[in-house]
PDB file of N, CA and C in Angstrom:
ATOM      1  N   ALA A   1     156.071  14.167 118.297  1.00  0.00           N
ATOM      2  CA  ALA A   1     155.287  13.482 119.318  1.00  0.00           C
ATOM      3  C   ALA A   1     154.780  12.162 118.760  1.00  0.00           C
ATOM      4  N   CYS A   2     154.319  11.340 119.638  1.00  0.00           N
ATOM      5  CA  CYS A   2     153.812  10.020 119.268  1.00  0.00           C
ATOM      6  C   CYS A   2     152.676  10.136 118.251  1.00  0.00           C
ATOM      7  N   ALA A   3     151.793  11.102 118.451  1.00  0.00           N
ATOM      8  CA  ALA A   3     150.652  11.263 117.550  1.00  0.00           C
ATOM      9  C   ALA A   3     151.102  11.540 116.123  1.00  0.00           C
ATOM     10  N   GLU A   4     152.148  12.325 115.954  1.00  0.00           N
ATOM     11  CA  GLU A   4     152.626  12.648 114.605  1.00  0.00           C
ATOM     12  C   GLU A   4     153.343  11.464 113.967  1.00  0.00           C
ATOM     13  N   THR A   5     153.858  10.564 114.772  1.00  0.00           N
ATOM     14  CA  THR A   5     154.512   9.363 114.249  1.00  0.00           C
ATOM     15  C   THR A   5     153.478   8.365 113.741  1.00  0.00           C
ATOM     16  N   THR A   6     152.361   8.259 114.436  1.00  0.00           N
ATOM     17  CA  THR A   6     151.333   7.282 114.054  1.00  0.00           C
ATOM     18  C   THR A   6     150.324   7.817 113.045  1.00  0.00           C
ATOM     19  N   ARG A   7     150.192   9.127 112.931  1.00  0.00           N
ATOM     20  CA  ARG A   7     149.189   9.725 112.035  1.00  0.00           C
ATOM     21  C   ARG A   7     149.344   9.273 110.579  1.00  0.00           C
ATOM     22  N   PRO A   8     150.539   9.325 109.971  1.00  0.00           N
ATOM     23  CA  PRO A   8     150.659   8.940 108.557  1.00  0.00           C
ATOM     24  C   PRO A   8     150.297   7.474 108.290  1.00  0.00           C
ATOM     25  N   HIS A   9     150.368   6.658 109.318  1.00  0.00           N
ATOM     26  CA  HIS A   9     150.077   5.234 109.158  1.00  0.00           C
ATOM     27  C   HIS A   9     148.655   4.883 109.595  1.00  0.00           C
ATOM     28  N   ALA A  10     147.883   5.894 109.956  1.00  0.00           N
ATOM     29  CA  ALA A  10     146.494   5.726 110.395  1.00  0.00           C
ATOM     30  C   ALA A  10     146.377   4.725 111.549  1.00  0.00           C
ATOM     31  N   ILE A  11     147.337   4.791 112.463  1.00  0.00           N
ATOM     32  CA  ILE A  11     147.304   3.933 113.650  1.00  0.00           C
ATOM     33  C   ILE A  11     146.569   4.677 114.757  1.00  0.00           C
ATOM     34  N   LYS A  12     145.495   4.072 115.223  1.00  0.00           N
ATOM     35  CA  LYS A  12     144.733   4.710 116.303  1.00  0.00           C
ATOM     36  C   LYS A  12     145.653   4.895 117.511  1.00  0.00           C
ATOM     37  N   THR A  13     145.679   6.113 118.047  1.00  0.00           N
ATOM     38  CA  THR A  13     146.564   6.434 119.161  1.00  0.00           C
ATOM     39  C   THR A  13     145.771   7.161 120.236  1.00  0.00           C
ATOM     40  N   VAL A  14     145.868   6.670 121.446  1.00  0.00           N
ATOM     41  CA  VAL A  14     145.165   7.274 122.577  1.00  0.00           C
ATOM     42  C   VAL A  14     146.208   7.822 123.539  1.00  0.00           C
ATOM     43  N   VAL A  15     145.980   9.054 123.990  1.00  0.00           N
ATOM     44  CA  VAL A  15     146.883   9.666 124.968  1.00  0.00           C
ATOM     45  C   VAL A  15     146.123   9.899 126.265  1.00  0.00           C
ATOM     46  N   SER A  16     146.840   9.814 127.354  1.00  0.00           N
ATOM     47  CA  SER A  16     146.284  10.108 128.669  1.00  0.00           C
ATOM     48  C   SER A  16     146.857  11.455 129.091  1.00  0.00           C
ATOM     49  N   LEU A  17     145.997  12.462 129.200  1.00  0.00           N
ATOM     50  CA  LEU A  17     146.438  13.825 129.498  1.00  0.00           C
ATOM     51  C   LEU A  17     146.361  14.105 130.995  1.00  0.00           C
ATOM     52  N   ASN A  18     147.308  14.908 131.471  1.00  0.00           N
ATOM     53  CA  ASN A  18     147.319  15.250 132.894  1.00  0.00           C
ATOM     54  C   ASN A  18     147.488  16.748 133.110  1.00  0.00           C
ATOM     55  N   PRO A  19     146.562  17.553 132.562  1.00  0.00           N
ATOM     56  CA  PRO A  19     146.655  18.989 132.844  1.00  0.00           C
ATOM     57  C   PRO A  19     146.289  19.261 134.297  1.00  0.00           C
ATOM     58  N   ILE A  20     146.467  20.499 134.708  1.00  0.00           N
ATOM     59  CA  ILE A  20     146.131  20.881 136.082  1.00  0.00           C
ATOM     60  C   ILE A  20     144.658  20.582 136.337  1.00  0.00           C
ATOM     61  N   MET A  21     144.392  19.872 137.427  1.00  0.00           N
ATOM     62  CA  MET A  21     143.015  19.567 137.820  1.00  0.00           C
ATOM     63  C   MET A  21     142.823  20.083 139.239  1.00  0.00           C
ATOM     64  N   VAL A  22     141.891  21.002 139.401  1.00  0.00           N
ATOM     65  CA  VAL A  22     141.677  21.628 140.699  1.00  0.00           C
ATOM     66  C   VAL A  22     140.536  20.968 141.465  1.00  0.00           C
ATOM     67  N   ASP A  23     139.372  20.880 140.839  1.00  0.00           N
ATOM     68  CA  ASP A  23     138.214  20.389 141.588  1.00  0.00           C
ATOM     69  C   ASP A  23     137.709  19.018 141.145  1.00  0.00           C
ATOM     70  N   GLY A  24     138.159  18.520 140.021  1.00  0.00           N
ATOM     71  CA  GLY A  24     137.751  17.196 139.561  1.00  0.00           C
ATOM     72  C   GLY A  24     136.342  17.116 139.019  1.00  0.00           C
ATOM     73  N   THR A  25     135.681  18.266 138.830  1.00  0.00           N
ATOM     74  CA  THR A  25     134.313  18.265 138.306  1.00  0.00           C
ATOM     75  C   THR A  25     134.183  19.020 136.993  1.00  0.00           C
ATOM     76  N   GLY A  26     135.236  19.682 136.548  1.00  0.00           N
ATOM     77  CA  GLY A  26     135.193  20.461 135.319  1.00  0.00           C
ATOM     78  C   GLY A  26     134.726  21.892 135.513  1.00  0.00           C
ATOM     79  N   MET A  27     134.302  22.242 136.721  1.00  0.00           N
ATOM     80  CA  MET A  27     133.774  23.586 136.956  1.00  0.00           C
ATOM     81  C   MET A  27     134.854  24.661 136.935  1.00  0.00           C
ATOM     82  N   CYS A  28     136.070  24.325 137.343  1.00  0.00           N
ATOM     83  CA  CYS A  28     137.123  25.342 137.404  1.00  0.00           C
ATOM     84  C   CYS A  28     137.704  25.635 136.025  1.00  0.00           C
ATOM     85  N   GLY A  29     137.647  24.667 135.116  1.00  0.00           N
ATOM     86  CA  GLY A  29     138.187  24.862 133.772  1.00  0.00           C
ATOM     87  C   GLY A  29     139.688  24.696 133.676  1.00  0.00           C
ATOM     88  N   GLY A  30     140.339  24.348 134.774  1.00  0.00           N
ATOM     89  CA  GLY A  30     141.789  24.206 134.755  1.00  0.00           C
ATOM     90  C   GLY A  30     142.276  23.090 133.855  1.00  0.00           C
ATOM     91  N   CYS A  31     141.463  22.066 133.665  1.00  0.00           N
ATOM     92  CA  CYS A  31     141.879  20.911 132.870  1.00  0.00           C
ATOM     93  C   CYS A  31     141.291  20.941 131.460  1.00  0.00           C
ATOM     94  N   ARG A  32     140.867  22.108 131.011  1.00  0.00           N
ATOM     95  CA  ARG A  32     140.255  22.248 129.686  1.00  0.00           C
ATOM     96  C   ARG A  32     141.259  21.918 128.588  1.00  0.00           C
ATOM     97  N   VAL A  33     140.844  21.105 127.638  1.00  0.00           N
ATOM     98  CA  VAL A  33     141.694  20.755 126.499  1.00  0.00           C
ATOM     99  C   VAL A  33     140.869  20.850 125.220  1.00  0.00           C
ATOM    100  N   LYS A  34     141.541  21.196 124.127  1.00  0.00           N
ATOM    101  CA  LYS A  34     140.886  21.248 122.822  1.00  0.00           C
ATOM    102  C   LYS A  34     141.074  19.900 122.144  1.00  0.00           C
ATOM    103  N   ILE A  35     139.947  19.263 121.830  1.00  0.00           N
ATOM    104  CA  ILE A  35     139.945  17.975 121.145  1.00  0.00           C
ATOM    105  C   ILE A  35     139.166  18.168 119.851  1.00  0.00           C
ATOM    106  N   GLY A  36     139.887  18.247 118.737  1.00  0.00           N
ATOM    107  CA  GLY A  36     139.231  18.552 117.468  1.00  0.00           C
ATOM    108  C   GLY A  36     138.612  19.930 117.549  1.00  0.00           C
ATOM    109  N   ASN A  37     137.326  20.026 117.243  1.00  0.00           N
ATOM    110  CA  ASN A  37     136.614  21.306 117.321  1.00  0.00           C
ATOM    111  C   ASN A  37     135.892  21.484 118.653  1.00  0.00           C
ATOM    112  N   ASP A  38     136.100  20.559 119.559  1.00  0.00           N
ATOM    113  CA  ASP A  38     135.392  20.584 120.838  1.00  0.00           C
ATOM    114  C   ASP A  38     136.315  20.958 121.989  1.00  0.00           C
ATOM    115  N   ILE A  39     135.706  21.460 123.045  1.00  0.00           N
ATOM    116  CA  ILE A  39     136.409  21.705 124.303  1.00  0.00           C
ATOM    117  C   ILE A  39     135.980  20.596 125.256  1.00  0.00           C
ATOM    118  N   LYS A  40     136.958  19.933 125.843  1.00  0.00           N
ATOM    119  CA  LYS A  40     136.688  18.860 126.798  1.00  0.00           C
ATOM    120  C   LYS A  40     137.394  19.180 128.108  1.00  0.00           C
ATOM    121  N   PHE A  41     136.999  18.497 129.153  1.00  0.00           N
ATOM    122  CA  PHE A  41     137.619  18.643 130.465  1.00  0.00           C
ATOM    123  C   PHE A  41     138.225  17.294 130.842  1.00  0.00           C
ATOM    124  N   ALA A  42     139.544  17.272 131.029  1.00  0.00           N
ATOM    125  CA  ALA A  42     140.248  16.011 131.288  1.00  0.00           C
ATOM    126  C   ALA A  42     139.717  15.306 132.528  1.00  0.00           C
ATOM    127  N   CYS A  43     139.309  16.067 133.539  1.00  0.00           N
ATOM    128  CA  CYS A  43     138.852  15.442 134.782  1.00  0.00           C
ATOM    129  C   CYS A  43     137.494  14.776 134.633  1.00  0.00           C
ATOM    130  N   VAL A  44     136.690  15.208 133.674  1.00  0.00           N
ATOM    131  CA  VAL A  44     135.348  14.661 133.497  1.00  0.00           C
ATOM    132  C   VAL A  44     135.262  13.800 132.236  1.00  0.00           C
ATOM    133  N   ASP A  45     135.768  14.312 131.126  1.00  0.00           N
ATOM    134  CA  ASP A  45     135.654  13.636 129.838  1.00  0.00           C
ATOM    135  C   ASP A  45     136.830  12.712 129.541  1.00  0.00           C
ATOM    136  N   GLY A  46     137.870  12.794 130.312  1.00  0.00           N
ATOM    137  CA  GLY A  46     139.093  12.041 130.037  1.00  0.00           C
ATOM    138  C   GLY A  46     139.476  11.183 131.208  1.00  0.00           C
ATOM    139  N   PRO A  47     140.733  10.986 131.371  1.00  0.00           N
ATOM    140  CA  PRO A  47     141.863  11.713 130.792  1.00  0.00           C
ATOM    141  C   PRO A  47     142.341  11.182 129.442  1.00  0.00           C
ATOM    142  N   ASP A  48     141.712  10.108 128.912  1.00  0.00           N
ATOM    143  CA  ASP A  48     142.176   9.517 127.660  1.00  0.00           C
ATOM    144  C   ASP A  48     141.429  10.095 126.468  1.00  0.00           C
ATOM    145  N   PHE A  49     142.215  10.503 125.437  1.00  0.00           N
ATOM    146  CA  PHE A  49     141.646  11.114 124.245  1.00  0.00           C
ATOM    147  C   PHE A  49     142.360  10.611 122.996  1.00  0.00           C
ATOM    148  N   ASP A  50     141.703  10.776 121.851  1.00  0.00           N
ATOM    149  CA  ASP A  50     142.304  10.455 120.555  1.00  0.00           C
ATOM    150  C   ASP A  50     143.466  11.419 120.325  1.00  0.00           C
ATOM    151  N   ALA A  51     144.663  10.879 120.252  1.00  0.00           N
ATOM    152  CA  ALA A  51     145.870  11.715 120.131  1.00  0.00           C
ATOM    153  C   ALA A  51     145.881  12.545 118.862  1.00  0.00           C
ATOM    154  N   HIS A  52     145.223  12.071 117.817  1.00  0.00           N
ATOM    155  CA  HIS A  52     145.230  12.798 116.548  1.00  0.00           C
ATOM    156  C   HIS A  52     144.303  14.006 116.564  1.00  0.00           C
ATOM    157  N   LYS A  53     143.486  14.137 117.600  1.00  0.00           N
ATOM    158  CA  LYS A  53     142.569  15.276 117.703  1.00  0.00           C
ATOM    159  C   LYS A  53     142.992  16.289 118.763  1.00  0.00           C
ATOM    160  N   VAL A  54     143.953  15.945 119.608  1.00  0.00           N
ATOM    161  CA  VAL A  54     144.374  16.839 120.695  1.00  0.00           C
ATOM    162  C   VAL A  54     145.169  18.012 120.134  1.00  0.00           C
ATOM    163  N   ASP A  55     144.832  19.217 120.573  1.00  0.00           N
ATOM    164  CA  ASP A  55     145.608  20.415 120.216  1.00  0.00           C
ATOM    165  C   ASP A  55     146.747  20.525 121.231  1.00  0.00           C
ATOM    166  N   PHE A  56     147.878  19.895 120.909  1.00  0.00           N
ATOM    167  CA  PHE A  56     148.998  19.850 121.846  1.00  0.00           C
ATOM    168  C   PHE A  56     149.639  21.220 122.057  1.00  0.00           C
ATOM    169  N   ASN A  57     149.591  22.096 121.044  1.00  0.00           N
ATOM    170  CA  ASN A  57     150.154  23.444 121.225  1.00  0.00           C
ATOM    171  C   ASN A  57     149.391  24.195 122.307  1.00  0.00           C
ATOM    172  N   ASP A  58     148.072  24.131 122.255  1.00  0.00           N
ATOM    173  CA  ASP A  58     147.255  24.790 123.275  1.00  0.00           C
ATOM    174  C   ASP A  58     147.478  24.138 124.640  1.00  0.00           C
ATOM    175  N   LEU A  59     147.546  22.818 124.671  1.00  0.00           N
ATOM    176  CA  LEU A  59     147.760  22.109 125.933  1.00  0.00           C
ATOM    177  C   LEU A  59     149.088  22.505 126.567  1.00  0.00           C
ATOM    178  N   MET A  60     150.149  22.554 125.776  1.00  0.00           N
ATOM    179  CA  MET A  60     151.462  22.915 126.314  1.00  0.00           C
ATOM    180  C   MET A  60     151.472  24.356 126.826  1.00  0.00           C
ATOM    181  N   MET A  61     150.787  25.250 126.112  1.00  0.00           N
ATOM    182  CA  MET A  61     150.700  26.638 126.569  1.00  0.00           C
ATOM    183  C   MET A  61     149.990  26.697 127.929  1.00  0.00           C
ATOM    184  N   ARG A  62     148.913  25.939 128.071  1.00  0.00           N
ATOM    185  CA  ARG A  62     148.169  25.925 129.337  1.00  0.00           C
ATOM    186  C   ARG A  62     148.991  25.304 130.456  1.00  0.00           C
ATOM    187  N   LEU A  63     149.776  24.259 130.144  1.00  0.00           N
ATOM    188  CA  LEU A  63     150.599  23.614 131.168  1.00  0.00           C
ATOM    189  C   LEU A  63     151.703  24.537 131.667  1.00  0.00           C
ATOM    190  N   ARG A  64     152.176  25.430 130.807  1.00  0.00           N
ATOM    191  CA  ARG A  64     153.243  26.366 131.200  1.00  0.00           C
ATOM    192  C   ARG A  64     152.705  27.615 131.888  1.00  0.00           C
ATOM    193  N   ARG A  65     151.407  27.782 131.890  1.00  0.00           N
ATOM    194  CA  ARG A  65     150.797  29.004 132.414  1.00  0.00           C
ATOM    195  C   ARG A  65     151.206  29.287 133.859  1.00  0.00           C
ATOM    196  N   TYR A  66     151.315  28.285 134.684  1.00  0.00           N
ATOM    197  CA  TYR A  66     151.617  28.487 136.103  1.00  0.00           C
ATOM    198  C   TYR A  66     153.035  28.066 136.473  1.00  0.00           C
ATOM    199  N   ALA A  67     153.919  27.979 135.499  1.00  0.00           N
ATOM    200  CA  ALA A  67     155.290  27.512 135.755  1.00  0.00           C
ATOM    201  C   ALA A  67     155.998  28.376 136.797  1.00  0.00           C
ATOM    202  N   GLU A  68     155.870  29.687 136.712  1.00  0.00           N
ATOM    203  CA  GLU A  68     156.552  30.571 137.662  1.00  0.00           C
ATOM    204  C   GLU A  68     155.981  30.400 139.070  1.00  0.00           C
ATOM    205  N   GLU A  69     154.651  30.325 139.171  1.00  0.00           N
ATOM    206  CA  GLU A  69     154.023  30.136 140.477  1.00  0.00           C
ATOM    207  C   GLU A  69     154.416  28.782 141.081  1.00  0.00           C
ATOM    208  N   GLU A  70     154.513  27.746 140.232  1.00  0.00           N
ATOM    209  CA  GLU A  70     154.920  26.432 140.720  1.00  0.00           C
ATOM    210  C   GLU A  70     156.349  26.472 141.251  1.00  0.00           C
ATOM    211  N   LYS A  71     157.228  27.189 140.565  1.00  0.00           N
ATOM    212  CA  LYS A  71     158.620  27.299 141.002  1.00  0.00           C
ATOM    213  C   LYS A  71     158.698  28.031 142.344  1.00  0.00           C
ATOM    214  N   VAL A  72     157.966  29.133 142.474  1.00  0.00           N
ATOM    215  CA  VAL A  72     157.959  29.889 143.727  1.00  0.00           C
ATOM    216  C   VAL A  72     157.431  29.014 144.864  1.00  0.00           C
ATOM    217  N   ALA A  73     156.351  28.274 144.611  1.00  0.00           N
ATOM    218  CA  ALA A  73     155.779  27.410 145.646  1.00  0.00           C
ATOM    219  C   ALA A  73     156.758  26.313 146.053  1.00  0.00           C
ATOM    220  N   LEU A  74     157.438  25.724 145.089  1.00  0.00           N
ATOM    221  CA  LEU A  74     158.407  24.674 145.404  1.00  0.00           C
ATOM    222  C   LEU A  74     159.577  25.231 146.204  1.00  0.00           C
ATOM    223  N   ASP A  75     160.074  26.400 145.798  1.00  0.00           N
ATOM    224  CA  ASP A  75     161.171  27.031 146.541  1.00  0.00           C
ATOM    225  C   ASP A  75     160.741  27.349 147.968  1.00  0.00           C
ATOM    226  N   ARG A  76     159.533  27.879 148.104  1.00  0.00           N
ATOM    227  CA  ARG A  76     159.024  28.238 149.430  1.00  0.00           C
ATOM    228  C   ARG A  76     158.855  26.993 150.298  1.00  0.00           C
ATOM    229  N   TRP A  77     158.330  25.932 149.718  1.00  0.00           N
ATOM    230  CA  TRP A  77     158.163  24.687 150.458  1.00  0.00           C
ATOM    231  C   TRP A  77     159.525  24.147 150.885  1.00  0.00           C
ATOM    232  N   SER A  78     160.484  24.168 149.971  1.00  0.00           N
ATOM    233  CA  SER A  78     161.817  23.640 150.275  1.00  0.00           C
ATOM    234  C   SER A  78     162.476  24.402 151.419  1.00  0.00           C
ATOM    235  N   GLU A  79     162.232  25.703 151.495  1.00  0.00           N
ATOM    236  CA  GLU A  79     162.830  26.523 152.548  1.00  0.00           C
ATOM    237  C   GLU A  79     162.126  26.349 153.887  1.00  0.00           C
ATOM    238  N   ASN A  80     160.851  26.025 153.878  1.00  0.00           N
ATOM    239  CA  ASN A  80     160.062  26.058 155.102  1.00  0.00           C
ATOM    240  C   ASN A  80     159.515  24.726 155.586  1.00  0.00           C
ATOM    241  N   CYS A  81     159.813  23.648 154.922  1.00  0.00           N
ATOM    242  CA  CYS A  81     159.263  22.356 155.335  1.00  0.00           C
ATOM    243  C   CYS A  81     159.839  21.959 156.691  1.00  0.00           C
ATOM    244  N   ARG A  82     158.989  21.912 157.708  1.00  0.00           N
ATOM    245  CA  ARG A  82     159.444  21.599 159.070  1.00  0.00           C
ATOM    246  C   ARG A  82     160.051  20.208 159.169  1.00  0.00           C
ATOM    247  N   ILE A  83     159.459  19.263 158.514  1.00  0.00           N
ATOM    248  CA  ILE A  83     159.946  17.890 158.609  1.00  0.00           C
ATOM    249  C   ILE A  83     161.365  17.786 158.076  1.00  0.00           C
ATOM    250  N   MET A  84     161.649  18.463 156.963  1.00  0.00           N
ATOM    251  CA  MET A  84     162.990  18.379 156.389  1.00  0.00           C
ATOM    252  C   MET A  84     164.021  18.989 157.327  1.00  0.00           C
ATOM    253  N   LYS A  85     163.617  20.005 158.072  1.00  0.00           N
ATOM    254  CA  LYS A  85     164.547  20.641 159.003  1.00  0.00           C
ATOM    255  C   LYS A  85     164.724  19.810 160.270  1.00  0.00           C
ATOM    256  N   MET A  86     163.705  19.058 160.659  1.00  0.00           N
ATOM    257  CA  MET A  86     163.738  18.342 161.925  1.00  0.00           C
ATOM    258  C   MET A  86     164.264  16.918 161.803  1.00  0.00           C
ATOM    259  N   THR A  87     164.195  16.333 160.640  1.00  0.00           N
ATOM    260  CA  THR A  87     164.605  14.948 160.478  1.00  0.00           C
ATOM    261  C   THR A  87     166.119  14.850 160.455  1.00  0.00           C
ATOM    262  N   PRO A  88     166.685  14.055 161.348  1.00  0.00           N
ATOM    263  CA  PRO A  88     168.143  13.890 161.344  1.00  0.00           C
ATOM    264  C   PRO A  88     168.576  13.042 160.155  1.00  0.00           C
ATOM    265  N   ALA A  89     169.837  13.141 159.814  1.00  0.00           N
ATOM    266  CA  ALA A  89     170.369  12.301 158.749  1.00  0.00           C
ATOM    267  C   ALA A  89     170.215  10.850 159.173  1.00  0.00           C
ATOM    268  N   VAL A  90     169.777  10.022 158.264  1.00  0.00           N
ATOM    269  CA  VAL A  90     169.509   8.626 158.585  1.00  0.00           C
ATOM    270  C   VAL A  90     170.659   7.758 158.098  1.00  0.00           C
ATOM    271  N   SER A  91     171.182   6.972 159.001  1.00  0.00           N
ATOM    272  CA  SER A  91     172.206   6.014 158.599  1.00  0.00           C
ATOM    273  C   SER A  91     171.517   4.675 158.376  1.00  0.00           C
ATOM    274  N   PRO A  92     172.095   3.792 157.585  1.00  0.00           N
ATOM    275  CA  PRO A  92     171.429   2.523 157.268  1.00  0.00           C
ATOM    276  C   PRO A  92     171.072   1.683 158.480  1.00  0.00           C
ATOM    277  N   ASP A  93     171.781   1.848 159.596  1.00  0.00           N
ATOM    278  CA  ASP A  93     171.506   1.005 160.755  1.00  0.00           C
ATOM    279  C   ASP A  93     170.410   1.554 161.671  1.00  0.00           C
ATOM    280  N   VAL A  94     169.831   2.716 161.322  1.00  0.00           N
ATOM    281  CA  VAL A  94     168.757   3.291 162.136  1.00  0.00           C
ATOM    282  C   VAL A  94     167.437   2.668 161.702  1.00  0.00           C
ATOM    283  N   GLU A  95     166.695   2.166 162.648  1.00  0.00           N
ATOM    284  CA  GLU A  95     165.397   1.568 162.358  1.00  0.00           C
ATOM    285  C   GLU A  95     164.380   2.660 162.046  1.00  0.00           C
ATOM    286  N   ALA A  96     163.456   2.380 161.142  1.00  0.00           N
ATOM    287  CA  ALA A  96     162.421   3.344 160.779  1.00  0.00           C
ATOM    288  C   ALA A  96     161.581   3.715 161.988  1.00  0.00           C
ATOM    289  N   ALA A  97     161.290   2.759 162.861  1.00  0.00           N
ATOM    290  CA  ALA A  97     160.477   3.043 164.051  1.00  0.00           C
ATOM    291  C   ALA A  97     161.187   4.035 164.964  1.00  0.00           C
ATOM    292  N   ASP A  98     162.513   3.911 165.086  1.00  0.00           N
ATOM    293  CA  ASP A  98     163.272   4.848 165.912  1.00  0.00           C
ATOM    294  C   ASP A  98     163.196   6.250 165.330  1.00  0.00           C
ATOM    295  N   LEU A  99     163.288   6.347 164.013  1.00  0.00           N
ATOM    296  CA  LEU A  99     163.221   7.645 163.351  1.00  0.00           C
ATOM    297  C   LEU A  99     161.830   8.251 163.512  1.00  0.00           C
ATOM    298  N   ALA A 100     160.786   7.445 163.340  1.00  0.00           N
ATOM    299  CA  ALA A 100     159.416   7.940 163.456  1.00  0.00           C
ATOM    300  C   ALA A 100     159.139   8.465 164.853  1.00  0.00           C
ATOM    301  N   ALA A 101     159.751   7.882 165.857  1.00  0.00           N
ATOM    302  CA  ALA A 101     159.527   8.314 167.234  1.00  0.00           C
ATOM    303  C   ALA A 101     160.056   9.720 167.474  1.00  0.00           C
ATOM    304  N   THR A 102     160.983  10.197 166.653  1.00  0.00           N
ATOM    305  CA  THR A 102     161.549  11.528 166.847  1.00  0.00           C
ATOM    306  C   THR A 102     160.765  12.610 166.117  1.00  0.00           C
ATOM    307  N   LEU A 103     159.843  12.214 165.251  1.00  0.00           N
ATOM    308  CA  LEU A 103     159.072  13.200 164.496  1.00  0.00           C
ATOM    309  C   LEU A 103     157.899  13.700 165.330  1.00  0.00           C
ATOM    310  N   PRO A 104     157.525  14.972 165.155  1.00  0.00           N
ATOM    311  CA  PRO A 104     156.397  15.513 165.923  1.00  0.00           C
ATOM    312  C   PRO A 104     155.072  14.932 165.443  1.00  0.00           C
ATOM    313  N   ASP A 105     154.103  14.897 166.336  1.00  0.00           N
ATOM    314  CA  ASP A 105     152.764  14.450 165.984  1.00  0.00           C
ATOM    315  C   ASP A 105     152.082  15.593 165.242  1.00  0.00           C
ATOM    316  N   PRO A 106     151.701  15.405 163.956  1.00  0.00           N
ATOM    317  CA  PRO A 106     151.109  16.502 163.187  1.00  0.00           C
ATOM    318  C   PRO A 106     149.756  16.949 163.718  1.00  0.00           C
ATOM    319  N   PHE A 107     149.096  16.119 164.522  1.00  0.00           N
ATOM    320  CA  PHE A 107     147.785  16.471 165.042  1.00  0.00           C
ATOM    321  C   PHE A 107     147.852  17.106 166.422  1.00  0.00           C
ATOM    322  N   GLU A 108     149.033  17.149 166.991  1.00  0.00           N
ATOM    323  CA  GLU A 108     149.198  17.673 168.340  1.00  0.00           C
ATOM    324  C   GLU A 108     148.741  19.127 168.437  1.00  0.00           C
ATOM    325  N   GLU A 109     149.016  19.915 167.396  1.00  0.00           N
ATOM    326  CA  GLU A 109     148.679  21.334 167.423  1.00  0.00           C
ATOM    327  C   GLU A 109     147.307  21.619 166.817  1.00  0.00           C
ATOM    328  N   ALA A 110     146.638  20.607 166.268  1.00  0.00           N
ATOM    329  CA  ALA A 110     145.351  20.809 165.613  1.00  0.00           C
ATOM    330  C   ALA A 110     144.264  21.077 166.644  1.00  0.00           C
ATOM    331  N   LEU A 111     143.294  21.902 166.246  1.00  0.00           N
ATOM    332  CA  LEU A 111     142.168  22.181 167.130  1.00  0.00           C
ATOM    333  C   LEU A 111     141.377  20.907 167.353  1.00  0.00           C
ATOM    334  N   GLY A 112     140.996  20.642 168.556  1.00  0.00           N
ATOM    335  CA  GLY A 112     140.219  19.455 168.882  1.00  0.00           C
ATOM    336  C   GLY A 112     141.059  18.199 168.916  1.00  0.00           C
ATOM    337  N   GLY A 113     142.384  18.336 168.718  1.00  0.00           N
ATOM    338  CA  GLY A 113     143.332  17.293 168.561  1.00  0.00           C
ATOM    339  C   GLY A 113     143.462  16.250 169.525  1.00  0.00           C
TER     340      GLY A 113
END
């Protein structure tokens, strides 16, 4: 990793981390990262940290924690996305406005809509 390349040369290195962030306040703990001997929350304390202090092994383990659920959600979305099923194939000569006119109004079915 970049941090291991710069460490022997004592080059200050800052990384921007993007772990799962649920609420953006640190209360859920989803974005918890180990920085040196401290626990930090990327959404509150970051996302930029000293790369030489980040526990990347722990971070990678946490990032993989929901890999199966993410795959299931993506597969489910791909199978059920209404827009993808309703949008006709677009040829280069079709105007965007013409295509937009064929799409349903997403607020039409909403309560109070």
